Amino acid sequence: RRLMGVVFAALASTCVRGVPDTQCGFKLLSRRAARELFPSLQIRGWAYDVQLLALAQARGYRIASVPVAWRDVEGSKVTPLTPLQMAADLVALRLQLAWSAWRRGSRREEAGSRTGWRV
């Protein structure tokens, strides 16, 4: 389970810059960010957090990692098929990001630096 987490984090870092662990912690958004980002999410599996963060970065939202006290709860949602589901989610996200970049061409949208997003 830990190995899967490390591999997933490494692959997720190819989609989201500067966030060492996309699965850890809470995602706290401003109302404006939530209304803009959540309707655009397409991944419902293991990588939905990664898609949310990647979309926030692409739209110019500031992302900050803030430590929180965490307590593990017994039980696991990890099954033998989990690694395949995780990989499929990340492949789908990478394809979405590549398609989006291709559609924009070489110009980058200047979204400015918005605030109100904290992880």
Foldseek 3Di string as FASTA:
>chain_A
DVVLQVVLQVLLCVQAPPDSHLPDDDKFFDPVLCVPQVVPQDDDDDCSSSLSRSVCVLLQEDEEEDDDDDDDDDDDPDDPCVSVSSVVSSVVSVVVVVVVDVVVDPDRDCNDYDYGIYD
